[in-house]
Amino acid sequence: MHFTTLASGSSGNAILVGEDNRHLLVDCGISGKSLLHNLSRLNISDSEIEGIVVTHEHVDHIRGVGILARKLKIPIYATTGLWEVMNPFLGKLAENQRMEVQESFSCAGLDVLLYPTSHDSRESFGLKVSRPKRKDKGNLAVGIATDSGMITEEMHRHLKGCDAFVVEANYDDQMLKFGSYPAYLKKRIRGQYGHLENKQLAEGLLEWITENTQRILLAHLSEENNTPELALTTVRRILRDSNRSKKYTDVKVHVAPRHSPHELIMLKE
């Protein structure tokens, strides 16, 4: 099983999860052309994409969803509430491309669980994407949590024990405090329906990582109120200094690039 980001940040987000030659996209907030280009940089064929799941309706998550689904002739998975607000932005789709889902579904041979996050959108979800256990292979799971103003009980319930994480480290509190954003926007970002701060995210990870956790990919960094170096240093320091996580020293932490794909991360059996 493997995963990566194809784009990450307020200018556009897309996550790829798959196994062998079958893949699922989580959001497509960049143009279809840019996404296909980033796929090619990883030597992944567009014919290997079997579906797109949408986490929420903000444009940095759905910009390319409709055009990509039409071009690749693949289904889009979203809740009923998200379909109601997305429909005007996605364009014409075949009826079998509109897949209404509730809490769970399967795509590309993977099981997908949706859980609510806390964000200022009609609906907003995180995901747990799992490979079903087989005779020759054990269960593996990637936990995804972006666009949430706080760590929720649902995150604790569904993310604990995942083998890998793609998680939001959106801003540094001091950079936001003294930055150029207007007061109302700073309040929105800090609020319970905004985004996660570096330290907030690290405190959540302390609850979620276990002995089987292999990789953490920090995503959705603010271009104005964070830096890759600061996010990485902050999260690593909190994990390193905590008695709870000292026994998990093999966990590797990475930062997702804004416009280019991160290298494909392969999970060990």
Foldseek 3Di string as FASTA:
>chain_A
DWKWWFAFAPQATWIWDADDLAIEIEFTLDALVLSCVQCVVQVHHLQRYAEYEYFFQDNNGHVHVQVSCVVNVHAYEYAPQRCVVCVVRRPDDDPVRDHHDDAWDDTRQWIKGWDFAAAPGSTGTWIKIWHPQDPVDGIAIETEEWQFLADDPRCLVPQAPHQEYEYEQAAALVQLVPFDDDPVVSCNQNDRRHTHHLLRVLVSVLSRDDQNHAEYEYGHYHPRGDDQVRSVVSSVVSLCPDPSNVVNVNYYYYYAHHRHMDHMGDGDD
